[in-house]
């Protein structure tokens, strides 16, 4: 999942990006990639599409325009615990976007 988001940042944003891994007691680990790219609406649509699928095989390439299959798989693997929001890069202060997912605790996986 990290590889997919980092690859997207390099392919589509073309500028600096940051990997952030967040963990607080009692809260699932969250991973986010922050970059200076755009496309919040398209990213949100791909993540929502993947979260609604019952299995990766159900993610058909014809339902997604250019790309988006990787984001849909991230959404499916994270059980829909993912999203995108605006933020700033810590290193440069530039405005950007964060694409994130959370990893459930082993006890939360059914």
PDB file of N, CA and C in Angstrom:
ATOM      1  N   UNK A   1       0.828  -1.185   0.000  1.00  0.00           N
ATOM      2  CA  UNK A   1       0.000   0.000   0.000  1.00  0.00           C
ATOM      3  C   UNK A   1       0.875   1.252   0.000  1.00  0.00           C
ATOM      4  N   UNK A   2       1.958   1.219   0.801  1.00  0.00           N
ATOM      5  CA  UNK A   2       2.882   2.359   0.824  1.00  0.00           C
ATOM      6  C   UNK A   2       3.490   2.563  -0.556  1.00  0.00           C
ATOM      7  N   UNK A   3       3.921   1.475  -1.164  1.00  0.00           N
ATOM      8  CA  UNK A   3       4.535   1.559  -2.485  1.00  0.00           C
ATOM      9  C   UNK A   3       3.592   2.190  -3.506  1.00  0.00           C
ATOM     10  N   UNK A   4       2.331   1.821  -3.466  1.00  0.00           N
ATOM     11  CA  UNK A   4       1.349   2.384  -4.395  1.00  0.00           C
ATOM     12  C   UNK A   4       1.225   3.893  -4.219  1.00  0.00           C
ATOM     13  N   UNK A   5       1.095   4.347  -2.972  1.00  0.00           N
ATOM     14  CA  UNK A   5       0.919   5.778  -2.730  1.00  0.00           C
ATOM     15  C   UNK A   5       2.174   6.580  -3.050  1.00  0.00           C
ATOM     16  N   UNK A   6       3.345   6.039  -2.727  1.00  0.00           N
ATOM     17  CA  UNK A   6       4.597   6.736  -3.044  1.00  0.00           C
ATOM     18  C   UNK A   6       4.790   6.810  -4.557  1.00  0.00           C
ATOM     19  N   UNK A   7       4.518   5.711  -5.246  1.00  0.00           N
ATOM     20  CA  UNK A   7       4.631   5.704  -6.709  1.00  0.00           C
ATOM     21  C   UNK A   7       3.704   6.741  -7.321  1.00  0.00           C
ATOM     22  N   UNK A   8       2.465   6.813  -6.835  1.00  0.00           N
ATOM     23  CA  UNK A   8       1.528   7.820  -7.338  1.00  0.00           C
ATOM     24  C   UNK A   8       2.058   9.231  -7.120  1.00  0.00           C
ATOM     25  N   UNK A   9       2.639   9.484  -5.948  1.00  0.00           N
ATOM     26  CA  UNK A   9       3.175  10.816  -5.662  1.00  0.00           C
ATOM     27  C   UNK A   9       4.275  11.186  -6.657  1.00  0.00           C
ATOM     28  N   UNK A  10       5.166  10.255  -6.930  1.00  0.00           N
ATOM     29  CA  UNK A  10       6.253  10.538  -7.866  1.00  0.00           C
ATOM     30  C   UNK A  10       5.750  10.678  -9.293  1.00  0.00           C
ATOM     31  N   UNK A  11       4.791   9.861  -9.689  1.00  0.00           N
ATOM     32  CA  UNK A  11       4.292   9.906 -11.061  1.00  0.00           C
ATOM     33  C   UNK A  11       3.411  11.115 -11.336  1.00  0.00           C
ATOM     34  N   UNK A  12       2.583  11.505 -10.370  1.00  0.00           N
ATOM     35  CA  UNK A  12       1.569  12.520 -10.641  1.00  0.00           C
ATOM     36  C   UNK A  12       1.855  13.889 -10.040  1.00  0.00           C
ATOM     37  N   UNK A  13       2.614  13.947  -8.964  1.00  0.00           N
ATOM     38  CA  UNK A  13       2.851  15.246  -8.323  1.00  0.00           C
ATOM     39  C   UNK A  13       4.099  15.919  -8.874  1.00  0.00           C
ATOM     40  N   UNK A  14       5.125  15.135  -9.124  1.00  0.00           N
ATOM     41  CA  UNK A  14       6.341  15.678  -9.711  1.00  0.00           C
ATOM     42  C   UNK A  14       7.162  16.580  -8.812  1.00  0.00           C
ATOM     43  N   UNK A  15       6.771  16.757  -7.584  1.00  0.00           N
ATOM     44  CA  UNK A  15       7.523  17.612  -6.673  1.00  0.00           C
ATOM     45  C   UNK A  15       7.908  16.850  -5.425  1.00  0.00           C
ATOM     46  N   UNK A  16       8.192  17.563  -4.380  1.00  0.00           N
ATOM     47  CA  UNK A  16       8.581  16.889  -3.136  1.00  0.00           C
ATOM     48  C   UNK A  16       7.400  16.118  -2.541  1.00  0.00           C
ATOM     49  N   UNK A  17       7.727  15.081  -1.785  1.00  0.00           N
ATOM     50  CA  UNK A  17       6.691  14.346  -1.068  1.00  0.00           C
ATOM     51  C   UNK A  17       7.261  13.867   0.260  1.00  0.00           C
ATOM     52  N   UNK A  18       6.369  13.541   1.166  1.00  0.00           N
ATOM     53  CA  UNK A  18       6.761  13.083   2.502  1.00  0.00           C
ATOM     54  C   UNK A  18       5.974  11.829   2.853  1.00  0.00           C
ATOM     55  N   UNK A  19       6.642  10.912   3.529  1.00  0.00           N
ATOM     56  CA  UNK A  19       5.993   9.730   4.089  1.00  0.00           C
ATOM     57  C   UNK A  19       5.861   9.965   5.579  1.00  0.00           C
ATOM     58  N   UNK A  20       4.652   9.853   6.089  1.00  0.00           N
ATOM     59  CA  UNK A  20       4.410  10.029   7.522  1.00  0.00           C
ATOM     60  C   UNK A  20       3.764   8.762   8.061  1.00  0.00           C
ATOM     61  N   UNK A  21       4.290   8.268   9.167  1.00  0.00           N
ATOM     62  CA  UNK A  21       3.720   7.113   9.844  1.00  0.00           C
ATOM     63  C   UNK A  21       3.341   7.568  11.244  1.00  0.00           C
ATOM     64  N   UNK A  22       2.073   7.435  11.564  1.00  0.00           N
ATOM     65  CA  UNK A  22       1.548   7.961  12.817  1.00  0.00           C
ATOM     66  C   UNK A  22       0.990   6.832  13.664  1.00  0.00           C
ATOM     67  N   UNK A  23       1.303   6.859  14.946  1.00  0.00           N
ATOM     68  CA  UNK A  23       0.746   5.850  15.851  1.00  0.00           C
ATOM     69  C   UNK A  23       0.581   6.484  17.231  1.00  0.00           C
ATOM     70  N   UNK A  24      -0.595   6.360  17.772  1.00  0.00           N
ATOM     71  CA  UNK A  24      -0.902   6.812  19.118  1.00  0.00           C
ATOM     72  C   UNK A  24      -1.495   5.630  19.868  1.00  0.00           C
ATOM     73  N   UNK A  25      -1.288   5.580  21.142  1.00  0.00           N
ATOM     74  CA  UNK A  25      -1.786   4.467  21.950  1.00  0.00           C
ATOM     75  C   UNK A  25      -3.267   4.222  21.697  1.00  0.00           C
ATOM     76  N   UNK A  26      -3.609   2.981  21.404  1.00  0.00           N
ATOM     77  CA  UNK A  26      -5.002   2.606  21.209  1.00  0.00           C
ATOM     78  C   UNK A  26      -5.591   2.969  19.864  1.00  0.00           C
ATOM     79  N   UNK A  27      -4.798   3.555  18.981  1.00  0.00           N
ATOM     80  CA  UNK A  27      -5.281   3.975  17.665  1.00  0.00           C
ATOM     81  C   UNK A  27      -4.501   3.207  16.607  1.00  0.00           C
ATOM     82  N   UNK A  28      -5.161   2.748  15.546  1.00  0.00           N
ATOM     83  CA  UNK A  28      -4.438   2.034  14.492  1.00  0.00           C
ATOM     84  C   UNK A  28      -3.315   2.884  13.899  1.00  0.00           C
ATOM     85  N   UNK A  29      -2.312   2.212  13.364  1.00  0.00           N
ATOM     86  CA  UNK A  29      -1.220   2.898  12.677  1.00  0.00           C
ATOM     87  C   UNK A  29      -1.785   3.556  11.417  1.00  0.00           C
ATOM     88  N   UNK A  30      -1.456   4.811  11.212  1.00  0.00           N
ATOM     89  CA  UNK A  30      -1.874   5.525  10.002  1.00  0.00           C
ATOM     90  C   UNK A  30      -0.634   5.867   9.190  1.00  0.00           C
ATOM     91  N   UNK A  31      -0.729   5.669   7.896  1.00  0.00           N
ATOM     92  CA  UNK A  31       0.356   5.986   6.975  1.00  0.00           C
ATOM     93  C   UNK A  31      -0.189   7.003   5.991  1.00  0.00           C
ATOM     94  N   UNK A  32       0.570   8.064   5.764  1.00  0.00           N
ATOM     95  CA  UNK A  32       0.132   9.043   4.768  1.00  0.00           C
ATOM     96  C   UNK A  32       1.298   9.482   3.913  1.00  0.00           C
ATOM     97  N   UNK A  33       0.980   9.755   2.659  1.00  0.00           N
ATOM     98  CA  UNK A  33       1.930  10.319   1.722  1.00  0.00           C
ATOM     99  C   UNK A  33       1.428  11.719   1.414  1.00  0.00           C
ATOM    100  N   UNK A  34       2.279  12.700   1.629  1.00  0.00           N
ATOM    101  CA  UNK A  34       1.919  14.091   1.375  1.00  0.00           C
ATOM    102  C   UNK A  34       2.717  14.562   0.165  1.00  0.00           C
ATOM    103  N   UNK A  35       2.034  15.159  -0.799  1.00  0.00           N
ATOM    104  CA  UNK A  35       2.715  15.693  -1.976  1.00  0.00           C
ATOM    105  C   UNK A  35       2.057  16.993  -2.402  1.00  0.00           C
ATOM    106  N   UNK A  36       2.570  17.591  -3.463  1.00  0.00           N
ATOM    107  CA  UNK A  36       2.054  18.870  -3.934  1.00  0.00           C
ATOM    108  C   UNK A  36       1.134  18.716  -5.143  1.00  0.00           C
ATOM    109  N   UNK A  37       0.712  17.499  -5.401  1.00  0.00           N
ATOM    110  CA  UNK A  37      -0.175  17.247  -6.542  1.00  0.00           C
ATOM    111  C   UNK A  37      -1.589  17.682  -6.259  1.00  0.00           C
ATOM    112  N   UNK A  38      -2.441  17.424  -7.200  1.00  0.00           N
ATOM    113  CA  UNK A  38      -3.852  17.763  -7.064  1.00  0.00           C
ATOM    114  C   UNK A  38      -4.700  16.534  -7.280  1.00  0.00           C
ATOM    115  N   UNK A  39      -5.934  16.752  -7.640  1.00  0.00           N
ATOM    116  CA  UNK A  39      -6.823  15.644  -7.965  1.00  0.00           C
ATOM    117  C   UNK A  39      -7.551  15.040  -6.785  1.00  0.00           C
ATOM    118  N   UNK A  40      -7.854  15.859  -5.775  1.00  0.00           N
ATOM    119  CA  UNK A  40      -8.530  15.341  -4.592  1.00  0.00           C
ATOM    120  C   UNK A  40      -9.827  14.619  -4.928  1.00  0.00           C
ATOM    121  N   UNK A  41     -10.626  15.165  -5.831  1.00  0.00           N
ATOM    122  CA  UNK A  41     -11.911  14.539  -6.167  1.00  0.00           C
ATOM    123  C   UNK A  41     -11.709  13.176  -6.825  1.00  0.00           C
ATOM    124  N   UNK A  42     -10.750  13.085  -7.739  1.00  0.00           N
ATOM    125  CA  UNK A  42     -10.491  11.816  -8.419  1.00  0.00           C
ATOM    126  C   UNK A  42      -9.951  10.776  -7.438  1.00  0.00           C
ATOM    127  N   UNK A  43      -9.052  11.185  -6.556  1.00  0.00           N
ATOM    128  CA  UNK A  43      -8.495  10.262  -5.563  1.00  0.00           C
ATOM    129  C   UNK A  43      -9.608   9.769  -4.638  1.00  0.00           C
ATOM    130  N   UNK A  44     -10.449  10.682  -4.176  1.00  0.00           N
ATOM    131  CA  UNK A  44     -11.569  10.311  -3.304  1.00  0.00           C
ATOM    132  C   UNK A  44     -12.478   9.298  -3.993  1.00  0.00           C
ATOM    133  N   UNK A  45     -12.783   9.524  -5.261  1.00  0.00           N
ATOM    134  CA  UNK A  45     -13.654   8.607  -6.005  1.00  0.00           C
ATOM    135  C   UNK A  45     -13.029   7.220  -6.108  1.00  0.00           C
ATOM    136  N   UNK A  46     -11.749   7.136  -6.381  1.00  0.00           N
ATOM    137  CA  UNK A  46     -11.076   5.841  -6.493  1.00  0.00           C
ATOM    138  C   UNK A  46     -11.057   5.116  -5.154  1.00  0.00           C
ATOM    139  N   UNK A  47     -10.801   5.849  -4.074  1.00  0.00           N
ATOM    140  CA  UNK A  47     -10.783   5.224  -2.751  1.00  0.00           C
ATOM    141  C   UNK A  47     -12.177   4.724  -2.364  1.00  0.00           C
ATOM    142  N   UNK A  48     -13.201   5.512  -2.638  1.00  0.00           N
ATOM    143  CA  UNK A  48     -14.578   5.090  -2.319  1.00  0.00           C
ATOM    144  C   UNK A  48     -14.975   3.866  -3.130  1.00  0.00           C
ATOM    145  N   UNK A  49     -14.594   3.862  -4.397  1.00  0.00           N
ATOM    146  CA  UNK A  49     -14.899   2.724  -5.264  1.00  0.00           C
ATOM    147  C   UNK A  49     -14.283   1.446  -4.687  1.00  0.00           C
ATOM    148  N   UNK A  50     -13.020   1.492  -4.309  1.00  0.00           N
ATOM    149  CA  UNK A  50     -12.341   0.319  -3.774  1.00  0.00           C
ATOM    150  C   UNK A  50     -12.911  -0.138  -2.449  1.00  0.00           C
ATOM    151  N   UNK A  51     -13.309   0.795  -1.608  1.00  0.00           N
ATOM    152  CA  UNK A  51     -13.858   0.447  -0.295  1.00  0.00           C
ATOM    153  C   UNK A  51     -15.195  -0.287  -0.416  1.00  0.00           C
ATOM    154  N   UNK A  52     -15.916  -0.084  -1.530  1.00  0.00           N
ATOM    155  CA  UNK A  52     -17.215  -0.737  -1.718  1.00  0.00           C
ATOM    156  C   UNK A  52     -17.091  -2.153  -2.286  1.00  0.00           C
ATOM    157  N   UNK A  53     -15.916  -2.538  -2.754  1.00  0.00           N
ATOM    158  CA  UNK A  53     -15.732  -3.862  -3.368  1.00  0.00           C
ATOM    159  C   UNK A  53     -15.627  -4.934  -2.289  1.00  0.00           C
ATOM    160  N   UNK A  54     -16.068  -6.131  -2.618  1.00  0.00           N
ATOM    161  CA  UNK A  54     -15.988  -7.236  -1.666  1.00  0.00           C
ATOM    162  C   UNK A  54     -14.690  -8.015  -1.798  1.00  0.00           C
ATOM    163  N   UNK A  55     -13.979  -7.862  -2.899  1.00  0.00           N
ATOM    164  CA  UNK A  55     -12.703  -8.544  -3.109  1.00  0.00           C
ATOM    165  C   UNK A  55     -11.942  -7.821  -4.212  1.00  0.00           C
ATOM    166  N   UNK A  56     -10.611  -7.939  -4.237  1.00  0.00           N
ATOM    167  CA  UNK A  56      -9.844  -7.242  -5.277  1.00  0.00           C
ATOM    168  C   UNK A  56     -10.261  -7.647  -6.689  1.00  0.00           C
ATOM    169  N   UNK A  57     -10.721  -8.896  -6.868  1.00  0.00           N
ATOM    170  CA  UNK A  57     -11.150  -9.328  -8.198  1.00  0.00           C
ATOM    171  C   UNK A  57     -12.340  -8.514  -8.679  1.00  0.00           C
ATOM    172  N   UNK A  58     -13.101  -7.946  -7.734  1.00  0.00           N
ATOM    173  CA  UNK A  58     -14.297  -7.188  -8.087  1.00  0.00           C
ATOM    174  C   UNK A  58     -13.956  -5.776  -8.573  1.00  0.00           C
ATOM    175  N   UNK A  59     -12.687  -5.414  -8.525  1.00  0.00           N
ATOM    176  CA  UNK A  59     -12.262  -4.094  -9.007  1.00  0.00           C
ATOM    177  C   UNK A  59     -11.974  -4.234 -10.494  1.00  0.00           C
ATOM    178  N   UNK A  60     -12.931  -3.849 -11.319  1.00  0.00           N
ATOM    179  CA  UNK A  60     -12.742  -4.016 -12.749  1.00  0.00           C
ATOM    180  C   UNK A  60     -12.180  -2.746 -13.364  1.00  0.00           C
ATOM    181  N   UNK A  61     -11.250  -2.934 -14.278  1.00  0.00           N
ATOM    182  CA  UNK A  61     -10.546  -1.809 -14.883  1.00  0.00           C
ATOM    183  C   UNK A  61     -11.464  -0.936 -15.733  1.00  0.00           C
ATOM    184  N   UNK A  62     -12.563  -1.475 -16.232  1.00  0.00           N
ATOM    185  CA  UNK A  62     -13.456  -0.673 -17.060  1.00  0.00           C
ATOM    186  C   UNK A  62     -14.224   0.358 -16.238  1.00  0.00           C
ATOM    187  N   UNK A  63     -14.389   0.124 -14.938  1.00  0.00           N
ATOM    188  CA  UNK A  63     -15.123   1.066 -14.096  1.00  0.00           C
ATOM    189  C   UNK A  63     -14.278   2.270 -13.699  1.00  0.00           C
ATOM    190  N   UNK A  64     -12.973   2.147 -13.862  1.00  0.00           N
ATOM    191  CA  UNK A  64     -12.076   3.238 -13.503  1.00  0.00           C
ATOM    192  C   UNK A  64     -11.442   3.784 -14.770  1.00  0.00           C
ATOM    193  N   UNK A  65     -11.473   5.091 -14.922  1.00  0.00           N
ATOM    194  CA  UNK A  65     -10.904   5.702 -16.118  1.00  0.00           C
ATOM    195  C   UNK A  65      -9.406   5.459 -16.145  1.00  0.00           C
ATOM    196  N   UNK A  66      -8.640   6.490 -16.302  1.00  0.00           N
ATOM    197  CA  UNK A  66      -7.186   6.357 -16.314  1.00  0.00           C
ATOM    198  C   UNK A  66      -6.694   6.051 -14.910  1.00  0.00           C
ATOM    199  N   UNK A  67      -6.149   4.881 -14.721  1.00  0.00           N
ATOM    200  CA  UNK A  67      -5.586   4.515 -13.425  1.00  0.00           C
ATOM    201  C   UNK A  67      -6.654   4.344 -12.368  1.00  0.00           C
ATOM    202  N   UNK A  68      -6.214   4.428 -11.115  1.00  0.00           N
ATOM    203  CA  UNK A  68      -7.145   4.319 -10.009  1.00  0.00           C
ATOM    204  C   UNK A  68      -7.266   2.933  -9.432  1.00  0.00           C
ATOM    205  N   UNK A  69      -6.817   1.909 -10.174  1.00  0.00           N
ATOM    206  CA  UNK A  69      -6.933   0.546  -9.660  1.00  0.00           C
ATOM    207  C   UNK A  69      -6.085   0.363  -8.414  1.00  0.00           C
ATOM    208  N   UNK A  70      -4.891   0.944  -8.392  1.00  0.00           N
ATOM    209  CA  UNK A  70      -4.029   0.836  -7.209  1.00  0.00           C
ATOM    210  C   UNK A  70      -4.659   1.481  -5.990  1.00  0.00           C
ATOM    211  N   UNK A  71      -5.259   2.647  -6.165  1.00  0.00           N
ATOM    212  CA  UNK A  71      -5.944   3.309  -5.051  1.00  0.00           C
ATOM    213  C   UNK A  71      -7.132   2.486  -4.580  1.00  0.00           C
ATOM    214  N   UNK A  72      -7.842   1.872  -5.510  1.00  0.00           N
ATOM    215  CA  UNK A  72      -8.977   1.034  -5.145  1.00  0.00           C
ATOM    216  C   UNK A  72      -8.514  -0.169  -4.331  1.00  0.00           C
ATOM    217  N   UNK A  73      -7.378  -0.727  -4.688  1.00  0.00           N
ATOM    218  CA  UNK A  73      -6.843  -1.867  -3.937  1.00  0.00           C
ATOM    219  C   UNK A  73      -6.385  -1.429  -2.553  1.00  0.00           C
ATOM    220  N   UNK A  74      -5.773  -0.248  -2.444  1.00  0.00           N
ATOM    221  CA  UNK A  74      -5.403   0.294  -1.126  1.00  0.00           C
ATOM    222  C   UNK A  74      -6.655   0.423  -0.254  1.00  0.00           C
ATOM    223  N   UNK A  75      -7.723   0.936  -0.828  1.00  0.00           N
ATOM    224  CA  UNK A  75      -8.980   1.092  -0.070  1.00  0.00           C
ATOM    225  C   UNK A  75      -9.513  -0.259   0.374  1.00  0.00           C
ATOM    226  N   UNK A  76      -9.472  -1.245  -0.515  1.00  0.00           N
ATOM    227  CA  UNK A  76      -9.977  -2.568  -0.167  1.00  0.00           C
ATOM    228  C   UNK A  76      -9.113  -3.201   0.926  1.00  0.00           C
ATOM    229  N   UNK A  77      -7.791  -3.149   0.767  1.00  0.00           N
ATOM    230  CA  UNK A  77      -6.894  -3.752   1.754  1.00  0.00           C
ATOM    231  C   UNK A  77      -7.005  -3.089   3.125  1.00  0.00           C
ATOM    232  N   UNK A  78      -7.283  -1.795   3.147  1.00  0.00           N
ATOM    233  CA  UNK A  78      -7.399  -1.080   4.426  1.00  0.00           C
ATOM    234  C   UNK A  78      -8.805  -1.184   5.012  1.00  0.00           C
ATOM    235  N   UNK A  79      -9.680  -1.886   4.338  1.00  0.00           N
ATOM    236  CA  UNK A  79     -11.055  -2.011   4.817  1.00  0.00           C
ATOM    237  C   UNK A  79     -11.807  -0.692   4.785  1.00  0.00           C
ATOM    238  N   UNK A  80     -11.419   0.186   3.863  1.00  0.00           N
ATOM    239  CA  UNK A  80     -12.081   1.482   3.753  1.00  0.00           C
ATOM    240  C   UNK A  80     -11.555   2.537   4.716  1.00  0.00           C
ATOM    241  N   UNK A  81     -10.552   2.180   5.516  1.00  0.00           N
ATOM    242  CA  UNK A  81      -9.941   3.148   6.441  1.00  0.00           C
ATOM    243  C   UNK A  81      -8.867   3.913   5.673  1.00  0.00           C
ATOM    244  N   UNK A  82      -9.315   4.868   4.850  1.00  0.00           N
ATOM    245  CA  UNK A  82      -8.401   5.622   4.001  1.00  0.00           C
ATOM    246  C   UNK A  82      -9.075   6.916   3.580  1.00  0.00           C
ATOM    247  N   UNK A  83      -8.297   7.807   3.019  1.00  0.00           N
ATOM    248  CA  UNK A  83      -8.875   9.068   2.573  1.00  0.00           C
ATOM    249  C   UNK A  83      -7.829  10.001   2.014  1.00  0.00           C
ATOM    250  N   UNK A  84      -8.251  11.211   1.744  1.00  0.00           N
ATOM    251  CA  UNK A  84      -7.373  12.255   1.218  1.00  0.00           C
ATOM    252  C   UNK A  84      -7.843  13.583   1.805  1.00  0.00           C
ATOM    253  N   UNK A  85      -6.911  14.443   2.133  1.00  0.00           N
ATOM    254  CA  UNK A  85      -7.262  15.769   2.643  1.00  0.00           C
ATOM    255  C   UNK A  85      -6.134  16.742   2.318  1.00  0.00           C
ATOM    256  N   UNK A  86      -6.447  18.021   2.363  1.00  0.00           N
ATOM    257  CA  UNK A  86      -5.420  19.036   2.122  1.00  0.00           C
ATOM    258  C   UNK A  86      -4.575  19.211   3.379  1.00  0.00           C
ATOM    259  N   UNK A  87      -3.326  19.578   3.170  1.00  0.00           N
ATOM    260  CA  UNK A  87      -2.385  19.789   4.268  1.00  0.00           C
ATOM    261  C   UNK A  87      -1.208  20.603   3.739  1.00  0.00           C
ATOM    262  N   UNK A  88      -0.144  20.677   4.496  1.00  0.00           N
ATOM    263  CA  UNK A  88       1.096  21.319   4.064  1.00  0.00           C
ATOM    264  C   UNK A  88       2.251  20.358   4.276  1.00  0.00           C
ATOM    265  N   UNK A  89       3.236  20.431   3.413  1.00  0.00           N
ATOM    266  CA  UNK A  89       4.438  19.632   3.605  1.00  0.00           C
ATOM    267  C   UNK A  89       5.195  20.184   4.798  1.00  0.00           C
ATOM    268  N   UNK A  90       5.651  19.318   5.662  1.00  0.00           N
ATOM    269  CA  UNK A  90       6.396  19.736   6.857  1.00  0.00           C
ATOM    270  C   UNK A  90       7.733  20.362   6.484  1.00  0.00           C
ATOM    271  N   UNK A  91       8.366  19.827   5.450  1.00  0.00           N
ATOM    272  CA  UNK A  91       9.716  20.276   5.097  1.00  0.00           C
ATOM    273  C   UNK A  91       9.753  21.609   4.382  1.00  0.00           C
ATOM    274  N   UNK A  92       8.768  21.895   3.535  1.00  0.00           N
ATOM    275  CA  UNK A  92       8.811  23.114   2.727  1.00  0.00           C
ATOM    276  C   UNK A  92       7.703  24.108   3.054  1.00  0.00           C
ATOM    277  N   UNK A  93       6.653  23.651   3.727  1.00  0.00           N
ATOM    278  CA  UNK A  93       5.507  24.512   4.004  1.00  0.00           C
ATOM    279  C   UNK A  93       4.572  24.684   2.825  1.00  0.00           C
ATOM    280  N   UNK A  94       4.890  24.020   1.693  1.00  0.00           N
ATOM    281  CA  UNK A  94       4.041  24.137   0.513  1.00  0.00           C
ATOM    282  C   UNK A  94       2.679  23.505   0.771  1.00  0.00           C
ATOM    283  N   UNK A  95       1.624  24.066   0.171  1.00  0.00           N
ATOM    284  CA  UNK A  95       0.317  23.413   0.268  1.00  0.00           C
ATOM    285  C   UNK A  95       0.360  22.093  -0.487  1.00  0.00           C
ATOM    286  N   UNK A  96      -0.366  21.132   0.017  1.00  0.00           N
ATOM    287  CA  UNK A  96      -0.375  19.826  -0.627  1.00  0.00           C
ATOM    288  C   UNK A  96      -1.580  19.021  -0.224  1.00  0.00           C
ATOM    289  N   UNK A  97      -1.488  17.729  -0.502  1.00  0.00           N
ATOM    290  CA  UNK A  97      -2.556  16.803  -0.157  1.00  0.00           C
ATOM    291  C   UNK A  97      -1.949  15.587   0.520  1.00  0.00           C
ATOM    292  N   UNK A  98      -2.725  14.991   1.380  1.00  0.00           N
ATOM    293  CA  UNK A  98      -2.321  13.773   2.070  1.00  0.00           C
ATOM    294  C   UNK A  98      -3.256  12.659   1.647  1.00  0.00           C
ATOM    295  N   UNK A  99      -2.683  11.585   1.122  1.00  0.00           N
ATOM    296  CA  UNK A  99      -3.447  10.370   0.857  1.00  0.00           C
ATOM    297  C   UNK A  99      -3.020   9.398   1.944  1.00  0.00           C
ATOM    298  N   UNK A 100      -3.976   8.872   2.697  1.00  0.00           N
ATOM    299  CA  UNK A 100      -3.638   8.086   3.875  1.00  0.00           C
ATOM    300  C   UNK A 100      -4.451   6.801   3.956  1.00  0.00           C
ATOM    301  N   UNK A 101      -3.941   5.868   4.742  1.00  0.00           N
ATOM    302  CA  UNK A 101      -4.687   4.664   5.099  1.00  0.00           C
ATOM    303  C   UNK A 101      -4.293   4.269   6.507  1.00  0.00           C
ATOM    304  N   UNK A 102      -5.176   3.541   7.168  1.00  0.00           N
ATOM    305  CA  UNK A 102      -4.917   3.066   8.523  1.00  0.00           C
ATOM    306  C   UNK A 102      -4.862   1.546   8.510  1.00  0.00           C
ATOM    307  N   UNK A 103      -4.028   1.007   9.358  1.00  0.00           N
ATOM    308  CA  UNK A 103      -3.887  -0.438   9.479  1.00  0.00           C
ATOM    309  C   UNK A 103      -4.525  -0.853  10.804  1.00  0.00           C
ATOM    310  N   UNK A 104      -5.486  -1.747  10.718  1.00  0.00           N
ATOM    311  CA  UNK A 104      -6.211  -2.196  11.917  1.00  0.00           C
ATOM    312  C   UNK A 104      -5.299  -3.036  12.801  1.00  0.00           C
ATOM    313  N   UNK A 105      -5.573  -3.006  14.090  1.00  0.00           N
ATOM    314  CA  UNK A 105      -4.891  -3.901  15.025  1.00  0.00           C
ATOM    315  C   UNK A 105      -5.273  -5.335  14.705  1.00  0.00           C
ATOM    316  N   UNK A 106      -4.400  -6.269  15.020  1.00  0.00           N
ATOM    317  CA  UNK A 106      -4.680  -7.675  14.741  1.00  0.00           C
ATOM    318  C   UNK A 106      -5.982  -8.127  15.409  1.00  0.00           C
ATOM    319  N   UNK A 107      -6.304  -7.566  16.562  1.00  0.00           N
ATOM    320  CA  UNK A 107      -7.532  -7.964  17.260  1.00  0.00           C
ATOM    321  C   UNK A 107      -8.773  -7.403  16.591  1.00  0.00           C
ATOM    322  N   UNK A 108      -8.598  -6.375  15.728  1.00  0.00           N
ATOM    323  CA  UNK A 108      -9.730  -5.764  15.045  1.00  0.00           C
ATOM    324  C   UNK A 108     -10.085  -6.469  13.740  1.00  0.00           C
ATOM    325  N   UNK A 109      -9.201  -7.331  13.263  1.00  0.00           N
ATOM    326  CA  UNK A 109      -9.412  -8.001  11.979  1.00  0.00           C
ATOM    327  C   UNK A 109     -10.266  -9.235  12.212  1.00  0.00           C
ATOM    328  N   UNK A 110     -11.368  -9.353  11.474  1.00  0.00           N
ATOM    329  CA  UNK A 110     -12.311 -10.434  11.704  1.00  0.00           C
ATOM    330  C   UNK A 110     -12.179 -11.584  10.788  1.00  0.00           C
TER     331      UNK A 110
END
